[in-house]
Amino acid sequence: MPKIAFLFPGQGSQFPGMGKSLAEAFDCAAAVFRKADEALEFPLSKLCFEGPEADLKLTENTQPALLTVSVAALAVLREKGVSCSLVAGHSLGEYSALVAAGSLDFADAVRLVRKRGQYMQRAVPPGIGAMAAILRLPAGKLDSILNEAAQGQVVAAANLNSPDQIVIAGHAEAVERAASLAKAAGAKRAIILPVSAPFHCPLMKPAQQELKTGLDATCFANLTVPMINNWQAELIHTGEEARRGLYEQVPNPVLWTASMEKLAARDIELCIEVGAGSVLTGLLRAVAPTVKCIQFGEAADWEKLHEAIR
């Protein structure tokens, strides 16, 4: 078996119907959805399988839904005997990664991310914040653009996803100014994103403080395999490092490019994107094109993955 890393997606990968084929084909996946429904005391599984999309897009629903699909897919991989030597997760996906690494109990994780979504949603009133994706901005331009766009408001890097994709977040007016400046500086595109809050920027500090109580009350075990964390792009091994990372990632940028560079440097031969969609597969291709990545979030994905592992 090749040296494998599991990657876990974050918000933006959701879609109605996600995880349904896994639950229908594998009892172990269906059991994960039942456990999520019990932990949250509402039918999250029905929302994943059927939507409606408007409800699935609500941050407090999106976060536990994506986590649950990832952990259901993880359960199938474990049943099939597929293991990994490294994990990483993008933003919310860090919770899934910690479940995979044995640091965080799934029921605790799904309750935490439900609260995390609620805290993030209420940290900034609707219409006040925004996020934008900037594509192919010439190197060295970002800091000056953000400084010029701020004008007393907040605008900051939120996701450093690949050399060609940066996401910024902050006050809506400042984000719009930065998007215009980026285009003038040579960016191929600058797109305001349809999100409900400005994640991973200093405006999320109220959510960070609210989340601290839940994190402090939750048990984090030492990891059975190392994880590359979001806020430092560093390998971690202990429960306390895991807890601190989930706290620090809330108002700080996701250092995904640096994380994937570190992953590639550890001689990983195959990455499996565990859960909904294929966003991370595309980002890895842009950062480390020599590392193969295959998604596993639907029952039909197993045959292709099985062939790659053999």
Protein backbone atom coordinates (compact mmCIF):
# COMPACT_ATOMS: atom_id res chain seq x y z
CA MET A 1 0.00 0.00 0.00
CA PRO A 2 1.36 3.48 -0.83
CA LYS A 3 2.10 6.06 1.86
CA ILE A 4 -1.29 7.74 2.28
CA ALA A 5 -2.59 11.02 3.72
CA PHE A 6 -6.26 11.75 4.41
CA LEU A 7 -7.48 15.26 3.54
CA PHE A 8 -10.80 16.58 4.86
CA PRO A 9 -12.78 19.35 3.12
CA GLY A 10 -14.30 22.45 4.68
CA GLN A 11 -17.23 24.74 4.05
CA GLY A 12 -18.14 25.24 0.41
CA SER A 13 -18.02 21.54 -0.51
CA GLN A 14 -21.60 20.82 0.58
CA PHE A 15 -24.43 19.77 -1.75
CA PRO A 16 -27.86 18.15 -1.26
CA GLY A 17 -27.56 14.39 -1.56
CA MET A 18 -24.07 14.18 -0.14
CA GLY A 19 -23.33 11.00 1.75
CA LYS A 20 -26.59 9.29 0.73
CA SER A 21 -24.95 6.66 -1.46
CA LEU A 22 -22.46 5.85 1.33
CA ALA A 23 -25.26 5.35 3.86
CA GLU A 24 -27.21 3.15 1.43
CA ALA A 25 -24.22 1.00 0.49
CA PHE A 26 -22.37 0.67 3.82
CA ASP A 27 -23.87 -0.03 7.24
CA CYS A 28 -20.88 1.58 8.96
CA ALA A 29 -21.57 4.88 7.14
CA ALA A 30 -25.28 4.75 7.97
CA ALA A 31 -24.32 4.28 11.64
CA VAL A 32 -22.32 7.53 11.56
CA PHE A 33 -25.35 9.46 10.29
CA ARG A 34 -27.54 7.92 13.02
CA LYS A 35 -24.98 8.94 15.64
CA ALA A 36 -24.96 12.53 14.33
CA ASP A 37 -28.77 12.68 14.46
CA GLU A 38 -28.68 11.46 18.06
CA ALA A 39 -25.90 13.84 19.13
CA LEU A 40 -27.62 16.90 17.65
CA GLU A 41 -31.19 15.78 18.39
CA PHE A 42 -32.40 16.65 14.90
CA PRO A 43 -32.34 14.77 11.56
CA LEU A 44 -29.06 16.05 10.11
CA SER A 45 -28.94 12.97 7.87
CA LYS A 46 -32.18 14.01 6.13
CA LEU A 47 -30.72 17.47 5.50
CA CYS A 48 -27.58 15.92 3.95
CA PHE A 49 -29.51 13.46 1.80
CA GLU A 50 -32.42 15.66 0.71
CA GLY A 51 -31.68 19.32 1.46
CA PRO A 52 -33.23 21.81 0.93
CA GLU A 53 -30.09 23.54 -0.27
CA ALA A 54 -31.01 26.83 1.46
CA ASP A 55 -31.06 25.10 4.85
CA LEU A 56 -27.91 23.13 4.10
CA LYS A 57 -26.09 26.41 3.33
CA LEU A 58 -26.79 27.80 6.81
CA THR A 59 -23.40 27.75 8.54
CA GLU A 60 -24.72 26.07 11.70
CA ASN A 61 -26.01 23.22 9.49
CA THR A 62 -23.23 23.14 6.89
CA GLN A 63 -20.48 22.52 9.40
CA PRO A 64 -21.89 19.43 11.17
CA ALA A 65 -23.20 18.10 7.84
CA LEU A 66 -19.80 18.18 6.14
CA LEU A 67 -18.11 16.71 9.21
CA THR A 68 -20.60 13.85 9.28
CA VAL A 69 -20.16 13.00 5.60
CA SER A 70 -16.39 12.97 6.06
CA VAL A 71 -16.56 10.70 9.10
CA ALA A 72 -19.02 8.38 7.31
CA ALA A 73 -16.56 8.08 4.41
CA LEU A 74 -13.75 7.55 6.93
CA ALA A 75 -15.71 4.68 8.50
CA VAL A 76 -15.90 2.96 5.11
CA LEU A 77 -12.17 3.39 4.52
CA ARG A 78 -11.43 1.85 7.91
CA GLU A 79 -13.77 -1.06 7.22
CA LYS A 80 -11.93 -1.62 3.93
CA GLY A 81 -8.58 -1.63 5.73
CA VAL A 82 -7.31 1.69 4.34
CA SER A 83 -5.13 3.56 6.82
CA CYS A 84 -3.04 6.72 6.64
CA SER A 85 0.20 8.08 8.03
CA LEU A 86 -0.83 11.77 8.04
CA VAL A 87 -4.00 13.87 8.16
CA ALA A 88 -4.96 17.47 7.36
CA GLY A 89 -8.25 19.33 7.11
CA HIS A 90 -9.22 22.66 5.58
CA SER A 91 -10.78 24.93 8.24
CA LEU A 92 -13.81 22.96 9.47
CA GLY A 93 -12.09 19.89 8.02
CA GLU A 94 -9.55 20.05 10.84
CA TYR A 95 -12.24 18.63 13.16
CA SER A 96 -12.73 15.67 10.79
CA ALA A 97 -8.95 15.19 10.66
CA LEU A 98 -8.77 15.06 14.46
CA VAL A 99 -11.55 12.45 14.55
CA ALA A 100 -9.53 10.42 12.03
CA ALA A 101 -6.39 10.80 14.16
CA GLY A 102 -8.17 9.54 17.28
CA SER A 103 -7.89 12.86 19.11
CA LEU A 104 -11.54 13.89 19.10
CA ASP A 105 -14.68 11.82 19.65
CA PHE A 106 -17.12 12.15 16.74
CA ALA A 107 -20.15 13.02 18.89
CA ASP A 108 -18.14 15.74 20.64
CA ALA A 109 -16.90 17.01 17.26
CA VAL A 110 -20.34 17.25 15.69
CA ARG A 111 -21.70 19.18 18.67
CA LEU A 112 -18.68 21.50 18.67
CA VAL A 113 -18.96 22.37 14.99
CA ARG A 114 -22.70 22.98 15.30
CA LYS A 115 -21.89 25.57 18.00
CA ARG A 116 -18.93 26.86 15.97
CA GLY A 117 -21.25 27.59 13.06
CA GLN A 118 -23.72 29.39 15.31
CA TYR A 119 -20.98 31.49 16.92
CA MET A 120 -19.47 32.43 13.55
CA GLN A 121 -22.87 33.39 12.14
CA ARG A 122 -23.70 35.76 14.96
CA ALA A 123 -20.20 37.25 15.30
CA VAL A 124 -20.86 39.55 12.33
CA PRO A 125 -24.40 40.74 11.43
CA PRO A 126 -25.63 39.86 7.91
CA GLY A 127 -24.39 42.28 5.27
CA ILE A 128 -21.52 43.64 7.37
CA GLY A 129 -18.86 41.16 6.27
CA ALA A 130 -17.78 39.57 3.01
CA MET A 131 -15.21 37.26 1.43
CA ALA A 132 -13.61 37.31 -2.01
CA ALA A 133 -11.47 34.88 -3.98
CA ILE A 134 -8.52 36.44 -5.79
CA LEU A 135 -7.11 34.38 -8.64
CA ARG A 136 -3.58 34.65 -10.00
CA LEU A 137 -2.55 37.78 -8.16
CA PRO A 138 1.09 38.61 -8.99
CA ALA A 139 3.44 37.63 -6.14
CA GLY A 140 4.24 40.26 -3.54
CA LYS A 141 1.14 42.40 -4.12
CA LEU A 142 -1.23 41.14 -1.42
CA ASP A 143 0.00 43.01 1.67
CA SER A 144 0.01 46.43 0.00
CA ILE A 145 -3.47 45.82 -1.45
CA LEU A 146 -4.88 44.87 1.96
CA ASN A 147 -3.24 47.87 3.63
CA GLU A 148 -4.60 50.29 1.03
CA ALA A 149 -8.08 48.76 1.07
CA ALA A 150 -8.54 48.77 4.84
CA GLN A 151 -9.17 52.48 5.41
CA GLY A 152 -9.84 51.84 9.10
CA GLN A 153 -11.79 48.66 8.47
CA VAL A 154 -10.78 44.97 8.58
CA VAL A 155 -9.67 43.11 5.47
CA ALA A 156 -7.23 40.21 5.73
CA ALA A 157 -6.06 37.01 4.06
CA ALA A 158 -8.41 34.21 5.11
CA ASN A 159 -7.32 31.19 3.02
CA LEU A 160 -3.93 30.90 1.32
CA ASN A 161 -5.18 28.01 -0.79
CA SER A 162 -2.66 27.73 -3.63
CA PRO A 163 -0.18 29.95 -5.48
CA ASP A 164 -3.07 30.97 -7.76
CA GLN A 165 -5.89 31.29 -5.21
CA ILE A 166 -6.14 33.53 -2.17
CA VAL A 167 -9.36 34.23 -0.26
CA ILE A 168 -9.73 37.48 1.68
CA ALA A 169 -12.29 38.39 4.36
CA GLY A 170 -13.41 41.37 6.41
CA HIS A 171 -15.82 44.29 6.25
CA ALA A 172 -17.79 44.18 3.02
CA GLU A 173 -16.67 47.62 1.79
CA ALA A 174 -13.01 46.87 2.48
CA VAL A 175 -13.23 43.50 0.75
CA GLU A 176 -14.79 45.16 -2.31
CA ARG A 177 -12.03 47.79 -2.37
CA ALA A 178 -9.38 45.06 -2.11
CA ALA A 179 -11.00 43.09 -4.92
CA SER A 180 -10.89 46.14 -7.19
CA LEU A 181 -7.28 46.88 -6.27
CA ALA A 182 -6.32 43.26 -6.92
CA LYS A 183 -7.75 43.39 -10.43
CA ALA A 184 -5.91 46.65 -11.07
CA ALA A 185 -2.70 44.99 -9.81
CA GLY A 186 -2.97 42.19 -12.38
CA ALA A 187 -5.14 39.51 -10.75
CA LYS A 188 -6.96 37.40 -13.32
CA ARG A 189 -10.19 37.56 -11.33
CA ALA A 190 -11.53 38.80 -8.00
CA ILE A 191 -14.86 37.26 -7.07
CA ILE A 192 -17.09 38.17 -4.14
CA LEU A 193 -18.14 34.83 -2.61
CA PRO A 194 -21.71 33.88 -1.62
CA VAL A 195 -20.95 33.25 2.06
CA SER A 196 -22.88 34.10 5.20
CA ALA A 197 -19.97 35.46 7.27
CA PRO A 198 -16.33 36.64 6.88
CA PHE A 199 -14.48 33.56 8.15
CA HIS A 200 -10.83 33.39 9.26
CA CYS A 201 -10.31 37.10 9.85
CA PRO A 202 -10.17 39.25 13.01
CA LEU A 203 -13.94 39.89 12.85
CA MET A 204 -14.30 36.28 14.05
CA LYS A 205 -12.70 36.98 17.45
CA PRO A 206 -16.09 37.03 19.26
CA ALA A 207 -16.77 33.55 17.85
CA GLN A 208 -13.32 32.44 18.96
CA GLN A 209 -14.02 33.49 22.54
CA GLU A 210 -17.41 31.77 22.59
CA LEU A 211 -15.93 28.57 21.20
CA LYS A 212 -13.22 28.49 23.87
CA THR A 213 -15.63 27.28 26.57
CA GLY A 214 -16.64 24.24 24.50
CA LEU A 215 -13.08 23.46 23.48
CA ASP A 216 -11.87 23.65 27.08
CA ALA A 217 -14.63 21.28 28.21
CA THR A 218 -13.87 18.70 25.49
CA CYS A 219 -11.41 15.83 25.83
CA PHE A 220 -8.60 15.84 23.24
CA ALA A 221 -6.41 12.73 23.16
CA ASN A 222 -2.93 12.62 21.69
CA LEU A 223 -3.02 11.90 17.97
CA THR A 224 -2.39 8.39 16.63
CA VAL A 225 -1.00 9.91 13.39
CA PRO A 226 0.36 13.45 12.97
CA MET A 227 -1.75 16.29 11.60
CA ILE A 228 -0.65 19.41 9.72
CA ASN A 229 -2.59 22.21 11.36
CA ASN A 230 -4.20 25.24 9.69
CA TRP A 231 -2.91 28.23 11.59
CA GLN A 232 0.79 27.30 11.60
CA ALA A 233 1.06 24.67 8.82
CA GLU A 234 3.00 22.61 11.37
CA LEU A 235 2.90 18.94 12.33
CA ILE A 236 1.18 18.35 15.67
CA HIS A 237 0.95 15.23 17.83
CA THR A 238 -0.68 16.13 21.17
CA GLY A 239 -4.22 16.76 22.32
CA GLU A 240 -3.30 20.16 23.70
CA GLU A 241 -1.83 21.21 20.36
CA ALA A 242 -5.05 20.06 18.69
CA ARG A 243 -7.25 22.06 21.08
CA ARG A 244 -5.16 25.20 20.68
CA GLY A 245 -5.19 24.86 16.90
CA LEU A 246 -9.00 24.78 16.75
CA TYR A 247 -9.06 27.92 18.87
CA GLU A 248 -6.40 29.79 16.91
CA GLN A 249 -7.75 28.92 13.44
CA VAL A 250 -11.00 30.87 13.95
CA PRO A 251 -9.67 34.44 13.36
CA ASN A 252 -6.47 33.43 11.55
CA PRO A 253 -5.85 32.43 7.92
CA VAL A 254 -5.82 28.82 6.73
CA LEU A 255 -2.24 28.21 5.52
CA TRP A 256 -3.20 25.53 3.02
CA THR A 257 -0.45 26.11 0.47
CA ALA A 258 2.24 25.75 3.13
CA SER A 259 0.42 22.73 4.58
CA MET A 260 0.40 20.91 1.26
CA GLU A 261 4.04 21.77 0.63
CA LYS A 262 4.87 20.20 4.00
CA LEU A 263 2.78 17.14 3.12
CA ALA A 264 4.60 16.69 -0.20
CA ALA A 265 7.96 16.96 1.57
CA ARG A 266 7.06 13.94 3.73
CA ASP A 267 7.01 11.61 0.70
CA ILE A 268 3.26 11.07 0.67
CA GLU A 269 2.42 9.04 -2.43
CA LEU A 270 -1.38 9.24 -2.36
CA CYS A 271 -3.86 11.67 -0.81
CA ILE A 272 -7.50 10.71 -0.32
CA GLU A 273 -9.99 13.57 -0.08
CA VAL A 274 -12.39 12.09 2.46
CA GLY A 275 -15.88 13.55 2.22
CA ALA A 276 -17.96 15.77 -0.05
CA GLY A 277 -16.65 17.24 -3.29
CA SER A 278 -13.20 17.57 -4.79
CA VAL A 279 -12.05 21.08 -3.83
CA LEU A 280 -8.91 19.89 -2.06
CA THR A 281 -7.98 17.59 -4.93
CA GLY A 282 -7.85 20.61 -7.23
CA LEU A 283 -5.86 22.69 -4.75
CA LEU A 284 -3.29 19.92 -4.21
CA ARG A 285 -2.82 19.63 -7.96
CA ALA A 286 -1.93 23.35 -8.03
CA VAL A 287 0.51 23.12 -5.09
CA ALA A 288 2.09 19.65 -5.43
CA PRO A 289 1.21 18.20 -8.86
CA THR A 290 3.40 15.12 -8.35
CA VAL A 291 1.24 13.90 -5.44
CA LYS A 292 -1.74 11.88 -6.61
CA CYS A 293 -5.11 12.69 -5.00
CA ILE A 294 -8.36 10.73 -5.26
CA GLN A 295 -11.69 11.70 -3.74
CA PHE A 296 -13.79 9.34 -1.65
CA GLY A 297 -17.21 10.66 -0.73
CA GLU A 298 -19.63 8.48 -2.68
CA ALA A 299 -20.06 4.70 -2.88
CA ALA A 300 -19.10 4.73 -6.57
CA ASP A 301 -15.70 6.22 -5.71
CA TRP A 302 -14.52 3.00 -4.07
CA GLU A 303 -13.58 1.07 -7.21
CA LYS A 304 -11.27 3.80 -8.51
CA LEU A 305 -9.71 4.24 -5.08
CA HIS A 306 -9.27 0.49 -4.62
CA GLU A 307 -7.43 0.30 -7.93
CA ALA A 308 -5.12 3.17 -6.93
CA ILE A 309 -4.26 1.53 -3.62
CA ARG A 310 -3.50 -1.82 -5.23
